[in-house]
Amino acid sequence: MKRIFNFSAGPCTLPQSALEQARDEMVDYHGQGMSLIEMSHRSKTYDQVHHDAMSLVKELLGLPDNYQVLLLGGGATLQFSMVPMNLLHGGKSCDFTLTGAWAKKALADTKKVGKVNVVFDGTESSFTTLPDPASLKASSDAAYLHLTSNETIGGVQWQDWPDVGVPLVADMSSDFLSRRLPVEKFGLIYAGAQKNVGPAGLAVVIIRDDILEACPSDLTNYLGYAGHAKADSMMNTPPVFTIYMMKLVLQRLLDAGGLDAATQLADKRSGLLYDAIESHGSFYRCPVDPSCRSKMNVVFRLPTEDLEKQFIAEALAQDMSGLKGHRSVGGCRASIYNAMPVEGAETLAKFMADFAKQNG
């Protein structure tokens, strides 16, 4: 078997040992005579997997007792609607930081539900920078401030968090469980699984009890957080396979040293690539302000689009895939999530140096 380095923005690379365990357990799960994904989600066997996954999220983040973990279908995109439907009530508005493509999508859906105040708009800078967290102020009627912790497409990442006197709500899809957080600042965190913790098909939602208790009771069944919390995220059939894979991935993250180890590896991988860009500054260019460059998604341009196409093709021939930038912005992008081996970043950095020397 040949494993290549997968720099795709998501679905992402996963730990090989987790994939191998899933392979070994797929047909006959723990001697049950059938696969886990065939058996009832009400069985004791699946119930253990489900709650183990939730417990691992709590343990890795060090969640206080007044936070709940929900495992919901629909990915982060459904949360663009569920968040305002549950949190925008009582005539309140919310504040928004418009920092890139994913914040823009969340903003568009939130506007359909309630009043939004845009307190930072990065459009003029083509979403290449973020505001100083200390400069942000909450509007007088704001229920929360929404931010996107890491913009997968634009390659900007919050390195510090605002303190504005209202709960923070964050889409953390592309840097979830890659670093420690001051959890107490956040009223709600949501993340699609497919960037860092598992396959597509799941959103992890972390919600504080006071926020949960204030959610309206007149929402349709699936769209209310309270019902999911009461049912331990088993109101309906959960995305069983994704939750099972997430459990395997998170157990490995915990065994490897948890979020402290994840932070160190993220620093090392991203440092290798940003050093490669800066070392050949006349050939590669990262458009993002150095103060907010992502440690998950490294974006860069070459002198011409033809060279970018050549770069991507030659990298693929050397077993490095997924380096094409998003179609909306072009260029190149290396996504280096938790499961990307340091060897992958080293291999790409060396390739970048060699390519620049040969084509510069």
Protein backbone atom coordinates (compact mmCIF):
# COMPACT_ATOMS: atom_id res chain seq x y z
CA MET A 1 0.00 0.00 0.00
CA LYS A 2 1.21 3.48 -0.87
CA ARG A 3 0.13 6.49 1.22
CA ILE A 4 0.67 9.94 -0.25
CA PHE A 5 0.74 13.30 1.54
CA ASN A 6 -2.78 14.72 1.33
CA PHE A 7 -2.82 18.52 1.69
CA SER A 8 -6.53 18.78 0.87
CA ALA A 9 -8.57 21.36 2.79
CA GLY A 10 -11.20 18.77 3.67
CA PRO A 11 -12.05 16.03 3.85
CA CYS A 12 -8.59 15.85 5.29
CA THR A 13 -5.86 13.35 6.03
CA LEU A 14 -6.56 11.15 9.05
CA PRO A 15 -4.17 9.14 11.25
CA GLN A 16 -3.24 5.98 9.40
CA SER A 17 -3.54 3.90 12.56
CA ALA A 18 -7.14 5.09 13.02
CA LEU A 19 -7.96 4.13 9.44
CA GLU A 20 -6.37 0.73 9.94
CA GLN A 21 -8.33 0.11 13.13
CA ALA A 22 -11.56 1.06 11.35
CA ARG A 23 -10.64 -1.34 8.55
CA ASP A 24 -10.02 -4.18 10.99
CA GLU A 25 -13.27 -3.52 12.88
CA MET A 26 -15.48 -2.76 9.89
CA VAL A 27 -17.02 -6.16 9.13
CA ASP A 28 -17.19 -7.65 12.63
CA TYR A 29 -17.12 -5.03 15.40
CA HIS A 30 -15.69 -6.49 18.62
CA GLY A 31 -17.08 -9.96 17.94
CA GLN A 32 -20.65 -8.74 17.46
CA GLY A 33 -21.02 -10.52 14.11
CA MET A 34 -21.81 -7.29 12.27
CA SER A 35 -20.39 -3.85 11.64
CA LEU A 36 -20.92 -1.01 14.10
CA ILE A 37 -22.57 0.94 11.28
CA GLU A 38 -25.13 -1.83 10.82
CA MET A 39 -26.25 -2.18 14.43
CA SER A 40 -28.87 -0.16 16.26
CA HIS A 41 -27.76 3.23 17.47
CA ARG A 42 -29.71 2.39 20.65
CA SER A 43 -27.51 -0.61 21.37
CA LYS A 44 -25.16 -0.61 24.37
CA THR A 45 -22.26 -1.15 21.99
CA TYR A 46 -22.87 2.02 20.01
CA ASP A 47 -23.89 3.96 23.12
CA GLN A 48 -20.40 3.41 24.50
CA VAL A 49 -18.77 4.71 21.31
CA HIS A 50 -21.08 7.74 21.26
CA HIS A 51 -20.39 8.81 24.82
CA ASP A 52 -16.69 8.04 24.57
CA ALA A 53 -16.47 10.47 21.65
CA MET A 54 -18.24 13.18 23.63
CA SER A 55 -16.03 12.55 26.66
CA LEU A 56 -12.87 12.83 24.58
CA VAL A 57 -13.94 16.27 23.31
CA LYS A 58 -14.55 17.37 26.90
CA GLU A 59 -11.24 15.98 28.13
CA LEU A 60 -9.14 17.43 25.33
CA LEU A 61 -10.62 20.91 25.72
CA GLY A 62 -10.79 20.75 29.50
CA LEU A 63 -14.44 21.76 29.33
CA PRO A 64 -15.97 23.07 32.55
CA ASP A 65 -19.08 21.28 33.82
CA ASN A 66 -21.36 24.06 32.58
CA TYR A 67 -20.74 23.22 28.89
CA GLN A 68 -22.49 20.55 26.85
CA VAL A 69 -21.15 18.70 23.80
CA LEU A 70 -23.63 18.02 21.00
CA LEU A 71 -22.97 15.78 17.98
CA LEU A 72 -25.22 16.87 15.13
CA GLY A 73 -25.65 16.10 11.45
CA GLY A 74 -25.47 18.68 8.71
CA GLY A 75 -21.93 19.91 9.24
CA ALA A 76 -21.09 23.51 10.03
CA THR A 77 -23.35 24.87 7.28
CA LEU A 78 -26.49 23.86 9.18
CA GLN A 79 -25.07 25.72 12.18
CA PHE A 80 -25.11 28.94 10.15
CA SER A 81 -28.90 28.74 10.60
CA MET A 82 -29.19 26.97 13.95
CA VAL A 83 -27.01 29.46 15.82
CA PRO A 84 -29.14 32.54 15.12
CA MET A 85 -32.39 30.59 15.38
CA ASN A 86 -31.45 29.55 18.92
CA LEU A 87 -29.53 32.62 20.11
CA LEU A 88 -31.21 35.60 18.41
CA HIS A 89 -34.38 36.14 20.42
CA GLY A 90 -35.91 38.79 22.62
CA GLY A 91 -35.33 41.53 20.06
CA LYS A 92 -31.55 41.16 20.26
CA SER A 93 -29.05 41.53 17.41
CA CYS A 94 -25.66 39.90 16.96
CA ASP A 95 -22.25 41.25 15.99
CA PHE A 96 -20.23 39.72 13.17
CA THR A 97 -16.64 39.80 11.99
CA LEU A 98 -16.54 39.39 8.21
CA THR A 99 -13.14 37.78 7.71
CA GLY A 100 -13.46 35.58 4.64
CA ALA A 101 -15.55 33.19 2.59
CA TRP A 102 -16.91 31.13 5.47
CA ALA A 103 -17.76 34.11 7.65
CA LYS A 104 -19.55 35.55 4.61
CA LYS A 105 -21.69 32.42 4.26
CA ALA A 106 -22.54 32.40 7.96
CA LEU A 107 -23.38 36.11 7.80
CA ALA A 108 -25.73 35.65 4.85
CA ASP A 109 -27.74 32.99 6.66
CA THR A 110 -27.81 34.91 9.93
CA LYS A 111 -29.25 37.97 8.16
CA LYS A 112 -32.23 35.84 7.11
CA VAL A 113 -32.99 35.12 10.76
CA GLY A 114 -32.34 38.39 12.58
CA LYS A 115 -30.48 41.68 12.86
CA VAL A 116 -26.72 41.67 12.30
CA ASN A 117 -24.12 44.36 13.02
CA VAL A 118 -20.87 43.93 11.06
CA VAL A 119 -18.19 45.17 13.45
CA PHE A 120 -15.27 44.28 11.15
CA ASP A 121 -15.28 43.95 7.36
CA GLY A 122 -12.14 42.63 5.71
CA THR A 123 -13.45 42.98 2.16
CA GLU A 124 -11.24 45.96 1.31
CA SER A 125 -8.07 44.04 2.18
CA SER A 126 -9.32 40.98 0.25
CA PHE A 127 -9.59 39.18 3.61
CA THR A 128 -5.83 39.10 4.19
CA THR A 129 -5.86 40.46 7.73
CA LEU A 130 -7.85 40.44 10.98
CA PRO A 131 -8.70 43.18 13.45
CA ASP A 132 -6.83 43.75 16.67
CA PRO A 133 -9.05 41.88 19.16
CA ALA A 134 -8.75 44.77 21.61
CA SER A 135 -10.29 47.13 19.03
CA LEU A 136 -13.61 45.29 18.87
CA LYS A 137 -16.59 46.57 20.84
CA ALA A 138 -19.97 44.93 21.21
CA SER A 139 -23.10 46.70 20.04
CA SER A 140 -25.50 47.74 22.79
CA ASP A 141 -28.14 45.16 21.85
CA ALA A 142 -25.83 42.31 20.79
CA ALA A 143 -26.55 38.83 22.14
CA TYR A 144 -23.20 37.52 20.91
CA LEU A 145 -20.19 38.19 18.67
CA HIS A 146 -19.61 35.68 15.87
CA LEU A 147 -16.19 34.98 14.44
CA THR A 148 -14.60 32.36 12.21
CA SER A 149 -11.48 31.24 14.02
CA ASN A 150 -9.65 30.12 10.87
CA GLU A 151 -10.60 30.92 7.29
CA THR A 152 -9.79 27.77 5.30
CA ILE A 153 -9.82 29.54 1.94
CA GLY A 154 -8.06 32.79 2.81
CA GLY A 155 -5.55 31.40 5.30
CA VAL A 156 -6.17 33.86 8.15
CA GLN A 157 -6.44 32.68 11.76
CA TRP A 158 -7.26 34.43 15.02
CA GLN A 159 -4.22 34.18 17.30
CA ASP A 160 -5.96 35.91 20.21
CA TRP A 161 -9.57 36.45 21.21
CA PRO A 162 -11.63 39.59 21.79
CA ASP A 163 -13.15 40.33 25.17
CA VAL A 164 -16.26 42.36 24.40
CA GLY A 165 -18.60 41.64 27.31
CA VAL A 166 -20.90 39.34 25.34
CA PRO A 167 -20.42 35.63 24.60
CA LEU A 168 -18.27 34.70 21.64
CA VAL A 169 -19.72 32.30 19.07
CA ALA A 170 -17.10 30.71 16.84
CA ASP A 171 -17.01 28.58 13.74
CA MET A 172 -13.87 26.55 14.46
CA SER A 173 -14.26 24.02 11.67
CA SER A 174 -10.74 24.21 10.32
CA ASP A 175 -8.70 24.55 13.52
CA PHE A 176 -10.84 22.66 16.01
CA LEU A 177 -8.77 20.82 18.64
CA SER A 178 -5.49 22.11 17.24
CA ARG A 179 -4.70 24.39 20.23
CA ARG A 180 -5.84 25.32 23.71
CA LEU A 181 -8.68 27.81 24.16
CA PRO A 182 -9.94 30.12 26.89
CA VAL A 183 -13.24 28.24 26.74
CA GLU A 184 -14.91 30.49 29.27
CA LYS A 185 -14.97 33.34 26.70
CA PHE A 186 -17.16 31.31 24.36
CA GLY A 187 -20.88 30.81 24.65
CA LEU A 188 -20.94 28.44 21.69
CA ILE A 189 -18.37 26.75 19.45
CA TYR A 190 -19.22 24.73 16.38
CA ALA A 191 -17.03 22.77 13.99
CA GLY A 192 -17.45 20.49 11.01
CA ALA A 193 -15.54 17.29 11.68
CA GLN A 194 -13.89 16.87 8.30
CA LYS A 195 -10.99 19.27 8.78
CA ASN A 196 -9.26 17.90 11.85
CA VAL A 197 -11.17 15.19 13.68
CA GLY A 198 -12.90 12.79 11.28
CA PRO A 199 -14.85 12.27 8.07
CA ALA A 200 -17.56 14.60 6.78
CA GLY A 201 -21.13 14.39 8.06
CA LEU A 202 -20.90 15.73 11.61
CA ALA A 203 -20.88 19.04 13.45
CA VAL A 204 -19.54 19.21 16.99
CA VAL A 205 -21.35 21.91 18.96
CA ILE A 206 -20.14 23.06 22.39
CA ILE A 207 -22.67 25.21 24.20
CA ARG A 208 -22.70 26.82 27.63
CA ASP A 209 -25.59 25.96 29.93
CA ASP A 210 -26.94 29.50 30.29
CA ILE A 211 -27.03 29.88 26.49
CA LEU A 212 -28.72 26.49 26.18
CA GLU A 213 -31.35 27.29 28.81
CA ALA A 214 -32.31 30.50 27.00
CA CYS A 215 -32.91 28.81 23.63
CA PRO A 216 -36.54 29.16 22.46
CA SER A 217 -38.84 26.16 22.79
CA ASP A 218 -40.92 26.85 19.67
CA LEU A 219 -38.35 25.74 17.09
CA THR A 220 -38.97 22.67 14.99
CA ASN A 221 -37.61 19.53 16.59
CA TYR A 222 -34.19 19.13 14.96
CA LEU A 223 -33.33 22.83 14.90
CA GLY A 224 -33.44 23.38 18.67
CA TYR A 225 -30.28 22.77 20.70
CA ALA A 226 -32.25 22.03 23.88
CA GLY A 227 -33.83 18.88 22.48
CA HIS A 228 -30.48 17.53 21.33
CA ALA A 229 -28.90 18.21 24.72
CA LYS A 230 -31.77 16.52 26.57
CA ALA A 231 -31.46 13.45 24.32
CA ASP A 232 -27.64 13.25 24.51
CA SER A 233 -27.47 13.96 20.75
CA MET A 234 -29.58 10.88 20.02
CA MET A 235 -32.87 12.56 19.23
CA ASN A 236 -32.61 10.88 15.85
CA THR A 237 -30.14 8.43 14.31
CA PRO A 238 -26.75 10.12 14.68
CA PRO A 239 -24.01 10.03 12.01
CA VAL A 240 -22.68 6.79 13.48
CA PHE A 241 -19.65 6.19 11.27
CA THR A 242 -18.33 9.75 11.58
CA ILE A 243 -18.72 9.69 15.36
CA TYR A 244 -16.94 6.33 15.55
CA MET A 245 -14.06 7.64 13.43
CA MET A 246 -13.88 10.81 15.48
CA LYS A 247 -13.54 8.71 18.63
CA LEU A 248 -10.59 6.82 17.08
CA VAL A 249 -8.91 10.06 15.94
CA LEU A 250 -9.40 11.86 19.25
CA GLN A 251 -8.09 8.93 21.27
CA ARG A 252 -4.88 9.13 19.26
CA LEU A 253 -4.68 12.88 19.80
CA LEU A 254 -5.04 12.37 23.54
CA ASP A 255 -2.46 9.58 23.61
CA ALA A 256 -0.01 11.76 21.64
CA GLY A 257 -0.10 14.53 24.24
CA GLY A 258 -3.38 16.34 23.59
CA LEU A 259 -3.66 19.97 22.58
CA ASP A 260 -0.23 20.98 23.83
CA ALA A 261 1.35 18.46 21.46
CA ALA A 262 -1.02 19.50 18.67
CA THR A 263 0.06 23.13 19.10
CA GLN A 264 3.74 22.25 18.92
CA LEU A 265 3.25 20.20 15.76
CA ALA A 266 1.12 22.92 14.14
CA ASP A 267 3.87 25.45 14.84
CA LYS A 268 6.50 23.15 13.34
CA ARG A 269 4.58 22.23 10.18
CA SER A 270 3.46 25.77 9.41
CA GLY A 271 6.88 27.17 10.28
CA LEU A 272 8.53 24.92 7.71
CA LEU A 273 6.21 26.14 4.96
CA TYR A 274 6.27 29.84 5.85
CA ASP A 275 10.07 29.66 6.05
CA ALA A 276 10.11 28.12 2.57
CA ILE A 277 7.97 31.00 1.29
CA GLU A 278 10.11 33.70 2.94
CA SER A 279 13.37 32.05 1.89
CA HIS A 280 12.34 32.42 -1.75
CA GLY A 281 10.48 35.70 -1.43
CA SER A 282 11.03 36.71 -5.03
CA PHE A 283 9.31 33.51 -6.19
CA TYR A 284 6.66 32.71 -3.57
CA ARG A 285 4.30 35.20 -1.98
CA CYS A 286 1.90 34.75 0.92
CA PRO A 287 -0.74 37.51 0.77
CA VAL A 288 -1.74 37.16 4.42
CA ASP A 289 -0.59 39.59 7.12
CA PRO A 290 2.13 37.74 9.10
CA SER A 291 0.34 38.50 12.39
CA CYS A 292 -2.62 36.31 11.46
CA ARG A 293 -1.24 33.65 9.12
CA SER A 294 -3.00 30.34 9.58
CA LYS A 295 -1.21 27.34 11.04
CA MET A 296 -3.75 25.07 9.35
CA ASN A 297 -4.03 26.44 5.79
CA VAL A 298 -0.93 27.97 4.22
CA VAL A 299 -1.84 29.94 1.10
CA PHE A 300 0.71 31.24 -1.41
CA ARG A 301 1.13 32.44 -4.97
CA LEU A 302 3.83 31.90 -7.59
CA PRO A 303 4.90 34.47 -10.20
CA THR A 304 2.41 33.23 -12.82
CA GLU A 305 -0.68 31.01 -13.01
CA ASP A 306 1.15 28.76 -15.47
CA LEU A 307 3.88 28.16 -12.88
CA GLU A 308 1.21 27.44 -10.26
CA LYS A 309 -0.31 24.78 -12.51
CA GLN A 310 3.14 23.30 -13.11
CA PHE A 311 3.89 23.37 -9.37
CA ILE A 312 0.66 21.52 -8.53
CA ALA A 313 1.20 18.93 -11.27
CA GLU A 314 4.81 18.22 -10.33
CA ALA A 315 3.94 18.02 -6.64
CA LEU A 316 1.24 15.47 -7.41
CA ALA A 317 3.76 13.44 -9.41
CA GLN A 318 5.86 13.37 -6.24
CA ASP A 319 2.95 12.11 -4.10
CA MET A 320 1.72 15.43 -2.71
CA SER A 321 -1.95 16.06 -3.51
CA GLY A 322 -4.52 18.74 -2.76
CA LEU A 323 -2.27 21.78 -3.25
CA LYS A 324 -4.53 23.70 -5.61
CA GLY A 325 -5.97 26.85 -4.04
CA HIS A 326 -9.72 27.27 -3.75
CA ARG A 327 -11.37 28.06 -7.06
CA SER A 328 -12.57 31.43 -5.74
CA VAL A 329 -9.05 32.75 -5.10
CA GLY A 330 -6.67 30.55 -7.13
CA GLY A 331 -3.04 30.08 -6.20
CA CYS A 332 -1.80 27.25 -3.99
CA ARG A 333 -2.84 26.07 -0.56
CA ALA A 334 -1.35 23.49 1.79
CA SER A 335 -3.71 22.31 4.51
CA ILE A 336 -1.71 20.87 7.39
CA TYR A 337 -4.19 19.62 9.94
CA ASN A 338 -3.46 17.58 13.07
CA ALA A 339 -2.89 14.26 11.28
CA MET A 340 -0.43 15.63 8.70
CA PRO A 341 2.97 14.15 9.55
CA VAL A 342 5.82 16.63 9.99
CA GLU A 343 7.50 14.63 7.23
CA GLY A 344 4.78 15.86 4.87
CA ALA A 345 5.58 19.51 5.60
CA GLU A 346 9.31 18.78 5.31
CA THR A 347 8.79 17.10 1.95
CA LEU A 348 6.71 19.98 0.63
CA ALA A 349 9.17 22.60 1.90
CA LYS A 350 12.04 20.84 0.14
CA PHE A 351 9.99 20.56 -3.05
CA MET A 352 9.21 24.28 -2.87
CA ALA A 353 12.91 25.12 -2.57
CA ASP A 354 13.86 22.86 -5.47
CA PHE A 355 11.02 24.16 -7.66
CA ALA A 356 12.00 27.79 -7.04
CA LYS A 357 15.62 27.10 -7.95
CA GLN A 358 14.65 25.31 -11.15
CA ASN A 359 12.02 27.83 -12.30
CA GLY A 360 12.99 31.12 -10.68
